[in-house]
Structures are given as C-alpha cells and as structure tokens.
N, C-alpha and C. Protein backbone atom coordinates (compact mmCIF):
# COMPACT_ATOMS: atom_id res chain seq x y z
N UNK A 1 -2.71 3.70 -11.13
CA UNK A 1 -1.58 3.19 -10.65
C UNK A 1 -1.53 1.84 -9.69
N UNK A 2 -2.50 1.46 -9.29
CA UNK A 2 -2.95 0.04 -9.27
C UNK A 2 -2.03 -0.84 -9.48
N UNK A 3 -2.38 -0.70 -11.09
CA UNK A 3 -2.04 -1.79 -11.89
C UNK A 3 -0.52 -1.64 -12.31
N UNK A 4 -0.02 -0.46 -12.23
CA UNK A 4 1.25 -0.31 -12.31
C UNK A 4 2.49 -0.78 -11.18
N UNK A 5 1.54 -0.28 -10.38
CA UNK A 5 2.65 -1.08 -8.98
C UNK A 5 2.22 -2.51 -9.04
N UNK A 6 0.85 -3.05 -9.24
CA UNK A 6 1.25 -4.67 -9.26
C UNK A 6 2.14 -5.09 -10.11
N UNK A 7 2.12 -4.37 -11.41
CA UNK A 7 3.24 -4.95 -12.30
C UNK A 7 4.57 -4.99 -12.01
N UNK A 8 4.99 -4.18 -11.00
CA UNK A 8 6.49 -4.11 -10.56
C UNK A 8 6.61 -5.19 -10.01
N UNK A 9 7.93 -5.82 -10.63
CA UNK A 9 8.71 -7.19 -10.31
C UNK A 9 8.85 -7.07 -8.58
N UNK A 10 8.67 -8.10 -8.24
CA UNK A 10 9.07 -8.21 -6.69
C UNK A 10 10.43 -8.00 -6.43
N UNK A 11 10.03 -7.82 -4.80
CA UNK A 11 11.59 -7.16 -4.44
C UNK A 11 12.59 -8.48 -3.73
N UNK A 12 12.04 -9.24 -4.14
CA UNK A 12 12.60 -10.77 -3.40
C UNK A 12 12.84 -10.27 -1.71
N UNK A 13 14.10 -10.64 -1.53
CA UNK A 13 14.15 -10.71 -0.12
C UNK A 13 14.59 -9.33 0.38
N UNK A 14 13.71 -8.50 0.12
CA UNK A 14 14.15 -7.04 1.04
C UNK A 14 15.10 -6.12 0.16
N UNK A 15 15.48 -6.50 -1.03
CA UNK A 15 16.27 -5.83 -1.67
C UNK A 15 15.76 -4.97 -2.32
N UNK A 16 16.72 -3.80 -3.17
CA UNK A 16 15.95 -2.86 -3.86
C UNK A 16 15.92 -3.17 -5.00
N UNK A 17 14.80 -2.37 -5.68
CA UNK A 17 14.33 -3.04 -7.08
C UNK A 17 15.41 -2.81 -8.20
N UNK A 18 15.77 -3.31 -9.16
CA UNK A 18 16.84 -3.14 -10.09
C UNK A 18 16.78 -2.23 -10.89
N UNK A 19 15.59 -1.73 -11.70
CA UNK A 19 15.69 -0.44 -12.65
C UNK A 19 14.81 0.65 -11.91
N UNK A 20 15.64 1.85 -12.40
CA UNK A 20 14.64 3.17 -11.85
C UNK A 20 13.21 2.84 -12.02
N UNK A 21 13.12 3.08 -12.99
CA UNK A 21 11.81 3.12 -13.21
C UNK A 21 10.68 2.28 -12.53
N UNK A 22 10.92 0.90 -11.95
CA UNK A 22 10.30 0.34 -11.08
C UNK A 22 10.77 0.70 -9.63
N UNK A 23 11.41 1.47 -9.18
CA UNK A 23 11.66 1.76 -7.83
C UNK A 23 11.03 3.30 -7.70
N UNK A 24 10.80 3.91 -8.70
CA UNK A 24 9.64 5.05 -9.08
C UNK A 24 8.50 4.90 -8.58
N UNK A 25 7.81 3.87 -9.33
CA UNK A 25 6.53 3.23 -9.51
C UNK A 25 5.94 2.90 -7.86
N UNK A 26 7.16 1.83 -7.36
CA UNK A 26 6.95 1.50 -6.37
C UNK A 26 6.72 2.20 -4.89
N UNK A 27 8.07 3.78 -5.44
CA UNK A 27 7.80 4.55 -4.36
C UNK A 27 6.48 5.22 -4.68
N UNK A 28 5.79 5.62 -5.93
CA UNK A 28 4.78 6.17 -5.92
C UNK A 28 3.50 5.62 -5.44
N UNK A 29 3.61 4.59 -5.35
CA UNK A 29 2.36 3.68 -5.05
C UNK A 29 2.14 3.41 -3.53
N UNK A 30 3.59 3.53 -2.91
CA UNK A 30 3.78 3.55 -1.41
C UNK A 30 2.96 5.16 -0.67
N UNK A 31 3.84 6.31 -1.25
CA UNK A 31 3.62 7.41 -0.96
C UNK A 31 1.95 7.91 -1.28
N UNK A 32 1.25 7.43 -2.09
CA UNK A 32 0.03 7.24 -2.33
C UNK A 32 -0.99 6.57 -1.50
N UNK A 33 -0.39 5.64 -0.49
CA UNK A 33 -1.10 4.47 0.05
C UNK A 33 -1.62 3.41 -0.42
N UNK A 34 -1.06 3.14 -1.55
CA UNK A 34 -1.79 2.12 -2.89
C UNK A 34 -0.54 0.69 -2.37
N UNK A 35 -1.52 -0.38 -2.26
CA UNK A 35 -0.54 -1.32 -2.40
C UNK A 35 -0.88 -2.29 -3.22
N UNK A 36 0.00 -3.46 -3.62
CA UNK A 36 -0.18 -4.74 -4.73
C UNK A 36 -1.68 -5.03 -4.50
N UNK A 37 -2.17 -4.79 -3.27
CA UNK A 37 -3.62 -5.71 -3.26
C UNK A 37 -4.86 -4.76 -3.69
N UNK A 38 -4.72 -3.77 -3.58
CA UNK A 38 -5.50 -2.73 -3.85
C UNK A 38 -6.35 -2.65 -5.21
N UNK A 39 -7.43 -2.65 -5.84
CA UNK A 39 -7.91 -2.61 -7.01
C UNK A 39 -8.28 -3.90 -7.45
N UNK A 40 -7.97 -4.76 -8.53
CA UNK A 40 -9.08 -5.85 -8.93
C UNK A 40 -8.76 -6.81 -8.17
N UNK A 41 -9.74 -7.24 -7.35
CA UNK A 41 -9.24 -8.40 -6.41
C UNK A 41 -9.24 -9.97 -7.10
N UNK A 42 -8.22 -10.73 -6.83
CA UNK A 42 -8.42 -11.98 -7.80
C UNK A 42 -7.27 -11.91 -8.62
N UNK A 43 -6.51 -10.73 -9.04
CA UNK A 43 -5.43 -10.82 -9.63
C UNK A 43 -4.42 -11.33 -9.66
N UNK A 44 -3.61 -12.00 -10.60
CA UNK A 44 -2.50 -13.02 -10.52
C UNK A 44 -1.50 -12.76 -11.55
N UNK A 45 -0.34 -12.86 -11.21
CA UNK A 45 0.90 -12.58 -12.17
C UNK A 45 0.59 -13.68 -12.94
N UNK A 46 0.78 -13.77 -14.29
CA UNK A 46 1.00 -15.16 -15.05
C UNK A 46 2.54 -15.31 -15.59
N UNK A 47 2.85 -14.02 -16.32
CA UNK A 47 4.30 -14.16 -16.83
C UNK A 47 4.90 -12.88 -16.63
N UNK A 48 6.46 -12.56 -17.13
CA UNK A 48 6.80 -11.64 -17.08
C UNK A 48 8.10 -11.33 -17.97
N UNK A 49 8.06 -10.46 -18.32
CA UNK A 49 9.23 -10.26 -19.52
C UNK A 49 9.89 -8.99 -18.53
N UNK A 50 11.50 -9.12 -18.28
CA UNK A 50 12.31 -8.17 -17.67
C UNK A 50 12.76 -7.02 -18.41
N UNK A 51 13.23 -6.14 -18.23
CA UNK A 51 13.23 -5.01 -18.96
C UNK A 51 14.79 -5.84 -19.71
N UNK A 52 14.52 -4.84 -20.91
CA UNK A 52 16.04 -5.36 -21.77
C UNK A 52 16.04 -3.99 -22.90
N UNK A 53 17.11 -3.08 -22.74
CA UNK A 53 17.23 -2.09 -23.75
C UNK A 53 16.78 -2.35 -25.19
N UNK A 54 17.14 -3.63 -25.80
CA UNK A 54 16.72 -3.37 -27.02
C UNK A 54 15.28 -3.77 -27.19
N UNK A 55 14.30 -4.43 -26.23
CA UNK A 55 12.99 -4.33 -26.71
C UNK A 55 12.71 -2.65 -25.69
N UNK A 56 13.08 -1.94 -24.85
CA UNK A 56 12.61 -1.18 -24.37
C UNK A 56 11.39 -1.03 -23.35
N UNK A 57 11.02 -2.35 -23.09
CA UNK A 57 9.91 -2.15 -22.05
C UNK A 57 10.36 -3.64 -21.06
N UNK A 58 9.40 -3.18 -19.97
CA UNK A 58 8.76 -4.09 -18.84
C UNK A 58 7.51 -4.77 -19.02
N UNK A 59 7.54 -5.91 -19.59
CA UNK A 59 5.88 -6.29 -19.70
C UNK A 59 5.62 -7.49 -18.46
N UNK A 60 4.41 -7.25 -18.10
CA UNK A 60 3.52 -8.26 -17.16
C UNK A 60 2.49 -8.76 -17.49
N UNK A 61 2.05 -9.98 -17.81
CA UNK A 61 0.94 -10.35 -17.95
C UNK A 61 0.07 -11.18 -16.75
N UNK A 62 -0.93 -10.61 -16.70
CA UNK A 62 -1.71 -11.27 -15.32
C UNK A 62 -3.38 -11.39 -15.60
N UNK A 63 -4.23 -12.03 -15.02
CA UNK A 63 -5.29 -11.91 -15.02
C UNK A 63 -6.07 -11.89 -13.90
N UNK A 64 -7.84 -11.87 -13.90
CA UNK A 64 -8.34 -12.25 -12.69
C UNK A 64 -9.31 -13.12 -13.29
N UNK A 65 -9.33 -14.66 -12.94
CA UNK A 65 -10.48 -15.44 -12.91
C UNK A 65 -10.79 -15.36 -14.64
N UNK A 66 -11.69 -15.56 -14.69
CA UNK A 66 -12.47 -15.67 -15.74
C UNK A 66 -12.26 -14.72 -16.67
C-alpha cells in the first residue's frame, strides 16, 4: 500500500485527483494511516506516465539512492 500511495499523482493545490483509481488509493492510504513518507526512506519520484486509455495504466518510476 505504501508504494501505491507514494506513486499516486500529487494533488497540486489541494484539488481532487482526476482519476477514480488514484482517488481510491489515496483514500485507502489515508484510512489506513499510511502517508507517502512511510516505508522506504529516501525514495524520490523520477518520472511519470499519466493514465491514458490506449495504454491502460498509470506508471511512476522512482528510486532510493543507490
């Protein structure tokens, strides 16, 4: 759950997430008391592919140091 929550797109200026799946992951993490800071320390988002129907997925690439 930590990784899924961390991979959810940022909410910007407090607005709602655009995709229902991202909203569900963020809500589930919040209900479970999980923050994007939990889990792997030092993890940073490197790149992101937003959801597109033709691709059928949203992907986030990240890493933690070495």
